[in-house]
Amino acid sequence: MTTVPQVRTRVRIPLRFGDGPAAESEAVTFAGLSDGLEHLAFVLGKPGPVPLVRLHSECLTGDVFGSARCDCGPQLAESVARISEAGGYLLYLRQEGRGIGLYNKLDAYALQDSGLDTYAANSALGLPEDARDYTAAAQMLTLFGVQQLDLLSNNPDKAAQLARHGIDVRERVRTGVFANEDNVRYLRAKAEQTGHTLALPFEERPASSAV
C-alpha cells in the first residue's frame, strides 16, 4: 500500500547559532515520505513564487559539534541567514555521512587519516561514494507548492535529482567557501571528483597529521 506524502505538524522554532545568525522559523514535519525518514523543513522569511532552497544533509559532527573536518556547520548557519533574507525553505535531510550513517562516516574518517580521500574511503568500506537520494526532498517541496526554485548549493547532483522529479531549478546559487587546513583535502575531492563549485584558497594538511 502506497502512503501519500503529507504535512503532519507545523511549529514555530526560533533559531540561534551562537554568535552567528538568528532567525524565526516554522518547522514542518511530514508523513508518508518515500524513505520513511524523519526529515524536517524550516520555512524562513517569506517564500515567494521562486523561493531560495537549501537541501542540507544531516551532519552531527559538523552541525552540532563544530567539526573542522567538513564545511557543514558553517554552510548551515549561512543558509539560515541567506534564506531568511530571501524567503524560502531549508530542508534538513536525515542522510548522515552522505547517506552511509554516522559510524560508517567515522570509519571513513579513519581511512582518510591514512591518506584516502573522502570518496575512496567510502569505497574501501564497500559503501557508495554518495548514497543520498533526494526523492523525499522533492516530495516535501511539492507539498509546499514549489515548482521552481533557486537552489543554494555547490553540488550539481542535487539540482539534477530535483529536475528528474519535476522541480525546475532556475539557478544554482553558490554557498560560501569555508575552507581550513583540516577540511581542504575533503573540499578539493568534492570539487575535482563530483564537480562541486568551489574555489579553494588553502593548502591541505598532510593526512598523517589530520585530527
N, C-alpha and C. Protein backbone atom coordinates (compact mmCIF):
# COMPACT_ATOMS: atom_id res chain seq x y z
N MET A 1 0.84 -1.20 0.00
CA MET A 1 0.00 0.00 0.00
C MET A 1 0.88 1.25 0.00
N THR A 2 0.64 2.14 -0.94
CA THR A 2 1.42 3.37 -1.05
C THR A 2 0.83 4.45 -0.16
N THR A 3 1.67 5.07 0.64
CA THR A 3 1.24 6.16 1.50
C THR A 3 1.48 7.49 0.80
N VAL A 4 0.48 8.34 0.79
CA VAL A 4 0.60 9.64 0.14
C VAL A 4 1.34 10.60 1.07
N PRO A 5 2.40 11.26 0.61
CA PRO A 5 3.11 12.22 1.46
C PRO A 5 2.18 13.34 1.91
N GLN A 6 2.35 13.75 3.16
CA GLN A 6 1.54 14.83 3.68
C GLN A 6 2.27 15.54 4.81
N VAL A 7 1.88 16.78 5.06
CA VAL A 7 2.39 17.53 6.20
C VAL A 7 1.68 17.03 7.45
N ARG A 8 2.45 16.82 8.54
CA ARG A 8 1.84 16.34 9.78
C ARG A 8 1.82 17.40 10.88
N THR A 9 2.88 18.22 11.00
CA THR A 9 2.94 19.21 12.07
C THR A 9 3.68 20.45 11.59
N ARG A 10 3.22 21.61 12.04
CA ARG A 10 3.92 22.88 11.84
C ARG A 10 4.08 23.53 13.21
N VAL A 11 5.29 23.99 13.51
CA VAL A 11 5.53 24.59 14.83
C VAL A 11 6.59 25.67 14.72
N ARG A 12 6.40 26.75 15.46
CA ARG A 12 7.36 27.86 15.47
C ARG A 12 8.62 27.46 16.23
N ILE A 13 9.78 27.68 15.61
CA ILE A 13 11.06 27.44 16.28
C ILE A 13 11.99 28.62 15.98
N PRO A 14 12.33 29.41 17.00
CA PRO A 14 13.34 30.45 16.80
C PRO A 14 14.73 29.81 16.75
N LEU A 15 15.52 30.16 15.76
CA LEU A 15 16.84 29.56 15.55
C LEU A 15 17.92 30.53 16.00
N ARG A 16 18.92 30.01 16.72
CA ARG A 16 20.05 30.81 17.19
C ARG A 16 21.33 30.01 16.95
N PHE A 17 22.34 30.65 16.37
CA PHE A 17 23.60 29.99 16.06
C PHE A 17 24.74 30.68 16.80
N GLY A 18 24.71 30.62 18.13
CA GLY A 18 25.78 31.23 18.91
C GLY A 18 25.95 32.69 18.57
N ASP A 19 27.15 33.06 18.14
CA ASP A 19 27.42 34.44 17.73
C ASP A 19 27.04 34.68 16.27
N GLY A 20 26.47 33.65 15.62
CA GLY A 20 26.10 33.76 14.21
C GLY A 20 24.67 34.23 14.04
N PRO A 21 24.03 33.78 12.97
CA PRO A 21 22.69 34.29 12.64
C PRO A 21 21.62 33.83 13.62
N ALA A 22 20.56 34.61 13.68
CA ALA A 22 19.35 34.25 14.41
C ALA A 22 18.18 34.47 13.47
N ALA A 23 17.18 33.61 13.57
CA ALA A 23 16.05 33.71 12.65
C ALA A 23 14.82 33.09 13.26
N GLU A 24 13.67 33.61 12.87
CA GLU A 24 12.41 32.97 13.18
C GLU A 24 12.12 31.95 12.09
N SER A 25 11.62 30.78 12.50
CA SER A 25 11.31 29.77 11.50
C SER A 25 10.05 29.02 11.89
N GLU A 26 9.46 28.38 10.91
CA GLU A 26 8.39 27.41 11.14
C GLU A 26 8.94 26.05 10.74
N ALA A 27 9.03 25.13 11.70
CA ALA A 27 9.49 23.78 11.41
C ALA A 27 8.29 22.93 10.98
N VAL A 28 8.51 22.13 9.95
CA VAL A 28 7.43 21.33 9.38
C VAL A 28 7.88 19.87 9.35
N THR A 29 7.02 18.98 9.85
CA THR A 29 7.29 17.55 9.78
C THR A 29 6.32 16.90 8.78
N PHE A 30 6.67 15.68 8.37
CA PHE A 30 5.95 15.04 7.27
C PHE A 30 5.64 13.59 7.59
N ALA A 31 4.66 13.06 6.91
CA ALA A 31 4.34 11.63 6.95
C ALA A 31 4.29 11.13 5.52
N GLY A 32 4.64 9.85 5.34
CA GLY A 32 4.50 9.22 4.04
C GLY A 32 5.57 9.55 3.03
N LEU A 33 6.71 10.08 3.47
CA LEU A 33 7.79 10.34 2.52
C LEU A 33 8.39 9.04 2.02
N SER A 34 9.03 9.09 0.88
CA SER A 34 9.44 7.88 0.16
C SER A 34 10.37 6.98 0.96
N ASP A 35 11.26 7.57 1.78
CA ASP A 35 12.24 6.76 2.50
C ASP A 35 11.86 6.52 3.96
N GLY A 36 10.74 7.09 4.41
CA GLY A 36 10.28 6.87 5.77
C GLY A 36 11.09 7.55 6.85
N LEU A 37 12.03 8.42 6.48
CA LEU A 37 12.88 9.08 7.47
C LEU A 37 12.23 10.36 7.99
N GLU A 38 12.72 10.82 9.15
CA GLU A 38 12.14 12.00 9.80
C GLU A 38 12.84 13.28 9.34
N HIS A 39 12.64 13.61 8.07
CA HIS A 39 13.19 14.84 7.52
C HIS A 39 12.41 16.04 8.05
N LEU A 40 13.08 17.19 8.10
CA LEU A 40 12.46 18.43 8.56
C LEU A 40 12.58 19.50 7.49
N ALA A 41 11.59 20.38 7.45
CA ALA A 41 11.70 21.59 6.64
C ALA A 41 11.56 22.78 7.57
N PHE A 42 12.34 23.81 7.31
CA PHE A 42 12.22 25.07 8.04
C PHE A 42 11.82 26.15 7.04
N VAL A 43 10.67 26.76 7.31
CA VAL A 43 10.21 27.87 6.48
C VAL A 43 10.83 29.14 7.05
N LEU A 44 11.56 29.86 6.21
CA LEU A 44 12.31 31.03 6.65
C LEU A 44 11.92 32.24 5.81
N GLY A 45 11.74 33.38 6.47
CA GLY A 45 11.34 34.57 5.75
C GLY A 45 9.97 34.39 5.12
N LYS A 46 9.78 35.04 3.99
CA LYS A 46 8.50 34.96 3.27
C LYS A 46 8.76 34.37 1.88
N PRO A 47 8.58 33.06 1.74
CA PRO A 47 8.84 32.44 0.43
C PRO A 47 7.96 33.02 -0.66
N GLY A 48 8.58 33.34 -1.79
CA GLY A 48 7.85 33.84 -2.93
C GLY A 48 7.61 32.75 -3.95
N PRO A 49 7.20 33.13 -5.16
CA PRO A 49 6.93 32.13 -6.20
C PRO A 49 8.15 31.29 -6.58
N VAL A 50 9.35 31.89 -6.47
CA VAL A 50 10.59 31.15 -6.74
C VAL A 50 11.47 31.27 -5.49
N PRO A 51 11.26 30.41 -4.50
CA PRO A 51 11.97 30.56 -3.23
C PRO A 51 13.43 30.12 -3.33
N LEU A 52 14.22 30.58 -2.38
CA LEU A 52 15.58 30.08 -2.21
C LEU A 52 15.51 28.85 -1.32
N VAL A 53 16.14 27.76 -1.75
CA VAL A 53 16.02 26.47 -1.06
C VAL A 53 17.41 25.88 -0.85
N ARG A 54 17.60 25.34 0.34
CA ARG A 54 18.82 24.58 0.65
C ARG A 54 18.44 23.16 1.04
N LEU A 55 19.04 22.17 0.38
CA LEU A 55 18.94 20.78 0.81
C LEU A 55 20.18 20.49 1.65
N HIS A 56 20.01 20.38 2.95
CA HIS A 56 21.15 20.21 3.85
C HIS A 56 21.10 18.83 4.47
N SER A 57 22.11 18.02 4.17
CA SER A 57 22.17 16.68 4.73
C SER A 57 22.73 16.73 6.15
N GLU A 58 22.07 16.01 7.03
CA GLU A 58 22.46 15.98 8.44
C GLU A 58 23.95 15.67 8.62
N CYS A 59 24.60 16.42 9.52
CA CYS A 59 26.00 16.16 9.86
C CYS A 59 26.17 16.44 11.34
N LEU A 60 26.07 15.41 12.16
CA LEU A 60 26.16 15.59 13.60
C LEU A 60 27.48 16.24 14.00
N THR A 61 28.58 15.76 13.44
CA THR A 61 29.89 16.27 13.84
C THR A 61 30.06 17.73 13.46
N GLY A 62 29.60 18.12 12.28
CA GLY A 62 29.77 19.50 11.84
C GLY A 62 28.68 20.44 12.33
N ASP A 63 27.42 20.02 12.22
CA ASP A 63 26.30 20.90 12.57
C ASP A 63 26.20 21.13 14.07
N VAL A 64 26.50 20.10 14.87
CA VAL A 64 26.30 20.18 16.32
C VAL A 64 27.61 20.46 17.06
N PHE A 65 28.68 19.73 16.69
CA PHE A 65 29.92 19.81 17.45
C PHE A 65 30.98 20.71 16.81
N GLY A 66 30.67 21.30 15.66
CA GLY A 66 31.58 22.26 15.06
C GLY A 66 32.83 21.65 14.47
N SER A 67 32.77 20.40 14.02
CA SER A 67 33.95 19.76 13.43
C SER A 67 34.51 20.59 12.29
N ALA A 68 35.84 20.72 12.27
CA ALA A 68 36.53 21.43 11.20
C ALA A 68 36.90 20.51 10.04
N ARG A 69 36.51 19.23 10.11
CA ARG A 69 36.84 18.29 9.03
C ARG A 69 35.93 18.47 7.83
N CYS A 70 34.85 19.22 7.98
CA CYS A 70 33.93 19.47 6.87
C CYS A 70 33.52 20.93 6.91
N ASP A 71 32.64 21.32 6.01
CA ASP A 71 32.13 22.69 5.98
C ASP A 71 30.64 22.75 6.29
N CYS A 72 30.10 21.67 6.87
CA CYS A 72 28.65 21.56 7.04
C CYS A 72 28.07 22.59 8.01
N GLY A 73 28.72 22.75 9.17
CA GLY A 73 28.21 23.70 10.15
C GLY A 73 28.14 25.12 9.63
N PRO A 74 29.23 25.65 9.07
CA PRO A 74 29.16 27.00 8.50
C PRO A 74 28.15 27.13 7.36
N GLN A 75 28.03 26.09 6.54
CA GLN A 75 27.03 26.14 5.47
C GLN A 75 25.61 26.20 6.03
N LEU A 76 25.36 25.48 7.11
CA LEU A 76 24.03 25.50 7.72
C LEU A 76 23.70 26.90 8.23
N ALA A 77 24.63 27.50 8.97
CA ALA A 77 24.39 28.84 9.51
C ALA A 77 24.21 29.85 8.38
N GLU A 78 25.06 29.76 7.36
CA GLU A 78 24.95 30.67 6.22
C GLU A 78 23.60 30.51 5.53
N SER A 79 23.15 29.28 5.39
CA SER A 79 21.89 29.02 4.70
C SER A 79 20.72 29.65 5.44
N VAL A 80 20.70 29.52 6.76
CA VAL A 80 19.62 30.13 7.54
C VAL A 80 19.59 31.64 7.33
N ALA A 81 20.76 32.27 7.35
CA ALA A 81 20.82 33.72 7.18
C ALA A 81 20.35 34.14 5.78
N ARG A 82 20.84 33.46 4.76
CA ARG A 82 20.53 33.87 3.39
C ARG A 82 19.08 33.56 3.02
N ILE A 83 18.57 32.41 3.47
CA ILE A 83 17.18 32.08 3.14
C ILE A 83 16.22 32.96 3.92
N SER A 84 16.56 33.31 5.16
CA SER A 84 15.70 34.21 5.93
C SER A 84 15.55 35.55 5.22
N GLU A 85 16.63 36.01 4.61
CA GLU A 85 16.58 37.29 3.91
C GLU A 85 15.81 37.19 2.60
N ALA A 86 16.03 36.10 1.86
CA ALA A 86 15.41 35.96 0.54
C ALA A 86 14.00 35.40 0.61
N GLY A 87 13.74 34.57 1.62
CA GLY A 87 12.47 33.85 1.73
C GLY A 87 12.55 32.50 1.05
N GLY A 88 12.33 31.44 1.84
CA GLY A 88 12.39 30.12 1.24
C GLY A 88 12.37 29.01 2.26
N TYR A 89 13.04 27.91 1.93
CA TYR A 89 12.95 26.69 2.72
C TYR A 89 14.34 26.07 2.92
N LEU A 90 14.60 25.67 4.14
CA LEU A 90 15.76 24.85 4.46
C LEU A 90 15.25 23.44 4.74
N LEU A 91 15.64 22.48 3.92
CA LEU A 91 15.26 21.09 4.14
C LEU A 91 16.42 20.39 4.83
N TYR A 92 16.17 19.92 6.06
CA TYR A 92 17.20 19.24 6.84
C TYR A 92 16.96 17.74 6.69
N LEU A 93 17.83 17.11 5.90
CA LEU A 93 17.61 15.73 5.46
C LEU A 93 18.46 14.77 6.28
N ARG A 94 17.82 13.72 6.77
CA ARG A 94 18.48 12.77 7.68
C ARG A 94 19.31 11.77 6.88
N GLN A 95 20.38 12.28 6.29
CA GLN A 95 21.25 11.48 5.42
C GLN A 95 22.69 11.65 5.87
N GLU A 96 22.94 11.32 7.14
CA GLU A 96 24.26 11.48 7.74
C GLU A 96 25.35 10.81 6.90
N GLY A 97 26.48 11.50 6.76
CA GLY A 97 27.62 10.91 6.07
C GLY A 97 27.36 10.61 4.61
N ARG A 98 26.70 11.53 3.91
CA ARG A 98 26.29 11.30 2.51
C ARG A 98 25.50 10.00 2.39
N GLY A 99 24.71 9.71 3.42
CA GLY A 99 23.79 8.58 3.36
C GLY A 99 24.32 7.27 3.90
N ILE A 100 25.58 7.24 4.41
CA ILE A 100 26.12 5.96 4.91
C ILE A 100 25.99 5.81 6.42
N GLY A 101 25.59 6.86 7.12
CA GLY A 101 25.40 6.78 8.56
C GLY A 101 26.60 7.30 9.34
N LEU A 102 26.36 7.60 10.61
CA LEU A 102 27.38 8.24 11.45
C LEU A 102 28.59 7.35 11.68
N TYR A 103 28.39 6.12 12.13
CA TYR A 103 29.53 5.25 12.44
C TYR A 103 30.36 4.96 11.20
N ASN A 104 29.69 4.71 10.08
CA ASN A 104 30.44 4.48 8.85
C ASN A 104 31.21 5.72 8.43
N LYS A 105 30.64 6.89 8.65
CA LYS A 105 31.35 8.13 8.33
C LYS A 105 32.63 8.23 9.16
N LEU A 106 32.54 7.91 10.44
CA LEU A 106 33.73 7.98 11.29
C LEU A 106 34.76 6.92 10.90
N ASP A 107 34.29 5.74 10.47
CA ASP A 107 35.22 4.74 9.94
C ASP A 107 35.93 5.28 8.70
N ALA A 108 35.19 5.98 7.86
CA ALA A 108 35.79 6.57 6.66
C ALA A 108 36.80 7.66 7.03
N TYR A 109 36.51 8.42 8.08
CA TYR A 109 37.48 9.42 8.55
C TYR A 109 38.81 8.76 8.90
N ALA A 110 38.74 7.61 9.58
CA ALA A 110 39.97 6.91 9.96
C ALA A 110 40.78 6.53 8.72
N LEU A 111 40.10 6.10 7.67
CA LEU A 111 40.81 5.77 6.43
C LEU A 111 41.35 7.02 5.75
N GLN A 112 40.63 8.13 5.86
CA GLN A 112 41.13 9.38 5.29
C GLN A 112 42.42 9.81 5.98
N ASP A 113 42.52 9.54 7.28
CA ASP A 113 43.74 9.90 8.00
C ASP A 113 44.95 9.09 7.53
N SER A 114 44.69 7.96 6.87
CA SER A 114 45.79 7.16 6.33
C SER A 114 46.11 7.53 4.89
N GLY A 115 45.35 8.50 4.32
CA GLY A 115 45.69 9.00 3.00
C GLY A 115 44.61 8.92 1.95
N LEU A 116 43.53 8.17 2.19
CA LEU A 116 42.46 8.08 1.20
C LEU A 116 41.63 9.36 1.19
N ASP A 117 41.07 9.71 0.02
CA ASP A 117 40.16 10.85 0.02
C ASP A 117 38.77 10.40 0.46
N THR A 118 37.86 11.34 0.57
CA THR A 118 36.53 11.05 1.14
C THR A 118 35.76 10.01 0.34
N TYR A 119 35.93 9.99 -0.99
CA TYR A 119 35.21 9.03 -1.82
C TYR A 119 35.89 7.66 -1.81
N ALA A 120 37.22 7.66 -1.90
CA ALA A 120 37.95 6.39 -1.87
C ALA A 120 37.77 5.69 -0.53
N ALA A 121 37.65 6.45 0.55
CA ALA A 121 37.44 5.85 1.87
C ALA A 121 36.11 5.12 1.93
N ASN A 122 35.06 5.73 1.39
CA ASN A 122 33.76 5.05 1.35
C ASN A 122 33.86 3.76 0.54
N SER A 123 34.51 3.84 -0.62
CA SER A 123 34.63 2.66 -1.47
C SER A 123 35.41 1.55 -0.78
N ALA A 124 36.45 1.92 -0.04
CA ALA A 124 37.25 0.93 0.67
C ALA A 124 36.44 0.19 1.73
N LEU A 125 35.39 0.84 2.22
CA LEU A 125 34.50 0.21 3.20
C LEU A 125 33.37 -0.57 2.52
N GLY A 126 33.38 -0.61 1.20
CA GLY A 126 32.31 -1.29 0.47
C GLY A 126 31.02 -0.51 0.44
N LEU A 127 31.12 0.82 0.56
CA LEU A 127 29.95 1.68 0.64
C LEU A 127 29.90 2.63 -0.56
N PRO A 128 28.72 3.14 -0.91
CA PRO A 128 28.63 4.09 -2.03
C PRO A 128 29.42 5.36 -1.73
N GLU A 129 29.96 5.96 -2.77
CA GLU A 129 30.64 7.25 -2.59
C GLU A 129 29.66 8.31 -2.11
N ASP A 130 28.44 8.25 -2.61
CA ASP A 130 27.38 9.17 -2.19
C ASP A 130 26.06 8.44 -2.33
N ALA A 131 25.44 8.09 -1.21
CA ALA A 131 24.22 7.29 -1.22
C ALA A 131 22.95 8.14 -1.11
N ARG A 132 23.08 9.44 -1.20
CA ARG A 132 21.92 10.30 -0.97
C ARG A 132 20.93 10.27 -2.13
N ASP A 133 19.67 10.27 -1.76
CA ASP A 133 18.57 10.29 -2.72
C ASP A 133 17.65 11.44 -2.31
N TYR A 134 17.29 12.28 -3.28
CA TYR A 134 16.52 13.49 -2.96
C TYR A 134 15.05 13.38 -3.37
N THR A 135 14.56 12.14 -3.49
CA THR A 135 13.14 11.96 -3.78
C THR A 135 12.28 12.57 -2.69
N ALA A 136 12.61 12.30 -1.43
CA ALA A 136 11.82 12.85 -0.33
C ALA A 136 11.87 14.37 -0.32
N ALA A 137 13.02 14.94 -0.66
CA ALA A 137 13.12 16.40 -0.73
C ALA A 137 12.16 16.96 -1.78
N ALA A 138 12.10 16.31 -2.93
CA ALA A 138 11.17 16.75 -3.97
C ALA A 138 9.72 16.64 -3.49
N GLN A 139 9.41 15.57 -2.76
CA GLN A 139 8.06 15.42 -2.21
C GLN A 139 7.73 16.54 -1.23
N MET A 140 8.68 16.90 -0.38
CA MET A 140 8.47 17.98 0.58
C MET A 140 8.21 19.30 -0.14
N LEU A 141 9.01 19.58 -1.15
CA LEU A 141 8.83 20.82 -1.90
C LEU A 141 7.48 20.85 -2.61
N THR A 142 7.08 19.71 -3.15
CA THR A 142 5.78 19.64 -3.82
C THR A 142 4.64 19.94 -2.85
N LEU A 143 4.77 19.47 -1.62
CA LEU A 143 3.74 19.76 -0.61
C LEU A 143 3.66 21.25 -0.29
N PHE A 144 4.77 21.96 -0.47
CA PHE A 144 4.75 23.42 -0.29
C PHE A 144 4.29 24.15 -1.55
N GLY A 145 4.01 23.41 -2.60
CA GLY A 145 3.58 24.03 -3.84
C GLY A 145 4.71 24.59 -4.67
N VAL A 146 5.95 24.17 -4.39
CA VAL A 146 7.11 24.70 -5.11
C VAL A 146 7.29 23.95 -6.42
N GLN A 147 7.27 24.68 -7.51
CA GLN A 147 7.52 24.10 -8.83
C GLN A 147 8.84 24.58 -9.42
N GLN A 148 9.28 25.76 -8.99
CA GLN A 148 10.53 26.34 -9.45
C GLN A 148 11.23 26.97 -8.26
N LEU A 149 12.57 26.89 -8.25
CA LEU A 149 13.31 27.41 -7.10
C LEU A 149 14.71 27.82 -7.52
N ASP A 150 15.34 28.59 -6.63
CA ASP A 150 16.78 28.83 -6.69
C ASP A 150 17.41 27.94 -5.63
N LEU A 151 18.40 27.16 -6.01
CA LEU A 151 18.98 26.15 -5.12
C LEU A 151 20.30 26.64 -4.56
N LEU A 152 20.38 26.75 -3.24
CA LEU A 152 21.60 27.19 -2.57
C LEU A 152 22.50 25.97 -2.37
N SER A 153 23.42 25.77 -3.30
CA SER A 153 24.23 24.55 -3.27
C SER A 153 25.39 24.66 -4.24
N ASN A 154 26.51 24.02 -3.88
CA ASN A 154 27.63 23.87 -4.79
C ASN A 154 27.61 22.52 -5.51
N ASN A 155 26.61 21.71 -5.21
CA ASN A 155 26.57 20.31 -5.66
C ASN A 155 25.63 20.15 -6.86
N PRO A 156 26.17 19.85 -8.04
CA PRO A 156 25.31 19.73 -9.22
C PRO A 156 24.35 18.55 -9.15
N ASP A 157 24.67 17.52 -8.37
CA ASP A 157 23.79 16.35 -8.30
C ASP A 157 22.46 16.68 -7.64
N LYS A 158 22.45 17.60 -6.69
CA LYS A 158 21.19 17.98 -6.06
C LYS A 158 20.24 18.60 -7.08
N ALA A 159 20.77 19.49 -7.91
CA ALA A 159 19.94 20.11 -8.93
C ALA A 159 19.45 19.08 -9.94
N ALA A 160 20.33 18.17 -10.33
CA ALA A 160 19.96 17.16 -11.32
C ALA A 160 18.86 16.24 -10.79
N GLN A 161 18.98 15.82 -9.52
CA GLN A 161 17.96 14.93 -8.97
C GLN A 161 16.62 15.65 -8.83
N LEU A 162 16.62 16.90 -8.39
CA LEU A 162 15.36 17.63 -8.29
C LEU A 162 14.71 17.77 -9.66
N ALA A 163 15.52 18.05 -10.67
CA ALA A 163 14.97 18.19 -12.03
C ALA A 163 14.31 16.90 -12.49
N ARG A 164 14.92 15.75 -12.14
CA ARG A 164 14.32 14.47 -12.54
C ARG A 164 12.97 14.24 -11.87
N HIS A 165 12.74 14.92 -10.76
CA HIS A 165 11.46 14.79 -10.06
C HIS A 165 10.51 15.94 -10.39
N GLY A 166 10.82 16.69 -11.42
CA GLY A 166 9.90 17.71 -11.90
C GLY A 166 10.00 19.06 -11.23
N ILE A 167 11.06 19.27 -10.43
CA ILE A 167 11.28 20.57 -9.79
C ILE A 167 12.26 21.36 -10.66
N ASP A 168 11.85 22.52 -11.13
CA ASP A 168 12.68 23.34 -12.00
C ASP A 168 13.66 24.17 -11.16
N VAL A 169 14.95 23.93 -11.34
CA VAL A 169 15.97 24.72 -10.66
C VAL A 169 16.35 25.88 -11.58
N ARG A 170 15.83 27.06 -11.26
CA ARG A 170 16.09 28.22 -12.10
C ARG A 170 17.55 28.62 -12.06
N GLU A 171 18.13 28.56 -10.86
CA GLU A 171 19.53 28.95 -10.69
C GLU A 171 20.12 28.15 -9.54
N ARG A 172 21.36 27.73 -9.70
CA ARG A 172 22.10 27.13 -8.59
C ARG A 172 23.00 28.22 -8.00
N VAL A 173 22.70 28.60 -6.76
CA VAL A 173 23.38 29.69 -6.08
C VAL A 173 24.50 29.10 -5.22
N ARG A 174 25.71 29.55 -5.43
CA ARG A 174 26.83 29.01 -4.67
C ARG A 174 26.76 29.42 -3.20
N THR A 175 27.18 28.51 -2.33
CA THR A 175 27.40 28.87 -0.94
C THR A 175 28.78 29.50 -0.81
N GLY A 176 29.07 30.00 0.38
CA GLY A 176 30.43 30.44 0.66
C GLY A 176 31.38 29.26 0.67
N VAL A 177 32.68 29.55 0.64
CA VAL A 177 33.70 28.52 0.74
C VAL A 177 34.31 28.61 2.13
N PHE A 178 34.07 27.58 2.93
CA PHE A 178 34.51 27.59 4.33
C PHE A 178 35.67 26.60 4.49
N ALA A 179 36.79 26.97 3.90
CA ALA A 179 37.95 26.09 3.88
C ALA A 179 38.88 26.39 5.05
N ASN A 180 39.51 25.34 5.54
CA ASN A 180 40.56 25.47 6.53
C ASN A 180 41.55 24.33 6.28
N GLU A 181 42.65 24.31 7.01
CA GLU A 181 43.68 23.32 6.72
C GLU A 181 43.23 21.90 7.05
N ASP A 182 42.17 21.75 7.84
CA ASP A 182 41.68 20.41 8.18
C ASP A 182 40.66 19.87 7.19
N ASN A 183 40.01 20.74 6.42
CA ASN A 183 38.98 20.24 5.51
C ASN A 183 39.28 20.46 4.04
N VAL A 184 40.41 21.11 3.72
CA VAL A 184 40.63 21.48 2.32
C VAL A 184 40.83 20.25 1.43
N ARG A 185 41.39 19.17 1.97
CA ARG A 185 41.55 17.95 1.16
C ARG A 185 40.18 17.36 0.82
N TYR A 186 39.28 17.39 1.78
CA TYR A 186 37.89 16.93 1.58
C TYR A 186 37.19 17.81 0.53
N LEU A 187 37.34 19.12 0.65
CA LEU A 187 36.70 20.02 -0.30
C LEU A 187 37.29 19.88 -1.69
N ARG A 188 38.61 19.68 -1.77
CA ARG A 188 39.23 19.52 -3.08
C ARG A 188 38.72 18.26 -3.78
N ALA A 189 38.53 17.19 -3.01
CA ALA A 189 37.99 15.96 -3.61
C ALA A 189 36.59 16.20 -4.16
N LYS A 190 35.78 16.96 -3.44
CA LYS A 190 34.43 17.25 -3.93
C LYS A 190 34.48 18.06 -5.23
N ALA A 191 35.39 19.03 -5.29
CA ALA A 191 35.49 19.86 -6.49
C ALA A 191 36.00 19.05 -7.68
N GLU A 192 37.02 18.22 -7.45
CA GLU A 192 37.66 17.52 -8.56
C GLU A 192 36.90 16.28 -9.01
N GLN A 193 36.20 15.61 -8.09
CA GLN A 193 35.59 14.33 -8.44
C GLN A 193 34.09 14.41 -8.71
N THR A 194 33.41 15.34 -8.08
CA THR A 194 31.96 15.41 -8.28
C THR A 194 31.48 16.79 -8.71
N GLY A 195 32.40 17.63 -9.16
CA GLY A 195 32.02 18.87 -9.82
C GLY A 195 31.46 19.95 -8.93
N HIS A 196 31.73 19.90 -7.62
CA HIS A 196 31.28 20.98 -6.75
C HIS A 196 31.96 22.29 -7.15
N THR A 197 31.21 23.38 -7.11
CA THR A 197 31.74 24.68 -7.50
C THR A 197 32.41 25.33 -6.29
N LEU A 198 33.71 25.08 -6.15
CA LEU A 198 34.48 25.55 -5.00
C LEU A 198 35.81 26.12 -5.47
N ALA A 199 36.14 27.29 -4.98
CA ALA A 199 37.46 27.87 -5.20
C ALA A 199 38.21 27.80 -3.88
N LEU A 200 39.29 27.03 -3.85
CA LEU A 200 39.95 26.69 -2.59
C LEU A 200 41.24 27.49 -2.40
N PRO A 201 41.30 28.30 -1.33
CA PRO A 201 42.47 29.14 -1.11
C PRO A 201 43.56 28.50 -0.26
N PHE A 202 43.25 27.37 0.41
CA PHE A 202 44.17 26.80 1.39
C PHE A 202 44.92 25.60 0.83
N GLU A 203 46.13 25.40 1.32
CA GLU A 203 46.82 24.14 1.11
C GLU A 203 46.34 23.16 2.17
N GLU A 204 46.35 21.88 1.83
CA GLU A 204 45.82 20.89 2.75
C GLU A 204 46.84 20.48 3.80
N ARG A 205 46.33 20.06 4.95
CA ARG A 205 47.17 19.49 5.99
C ARG A 205 47.53 18.06 5.57
N PRO A 206 48.78 17.63 5.72
CA PRO A 206 49.12 16.24 5.37
C PRO A 206 48.24 15.26 6.13
N ALA A 207 47.87 14.15 5.46
CA ALA A 207 46.95 13.19 6.07
C ALA A 207 47.48 12.66 7.38
N SER A 208 48.78 12.48 7.51
CA SER A 208 49.35 11.89 8.72
C SER A 208 49.18 12.76 9.94
N SER A 209 48.92 14.08 9.74
CA SER A 209 48.76 14.98 10.87
C SER A 209 47.32 15.43 11.05
N ALA A 210 46.39 14.83 10.27
CA ALA A 210 44.99 15.21 10.41
C ALA A 210 44.47 14.79 11.77
N VAL A 211 43.48 15.56 12.27
CA VAL A 211 42.91 15.25 13.57
C VAL A 211 41.42 15.06 13.45
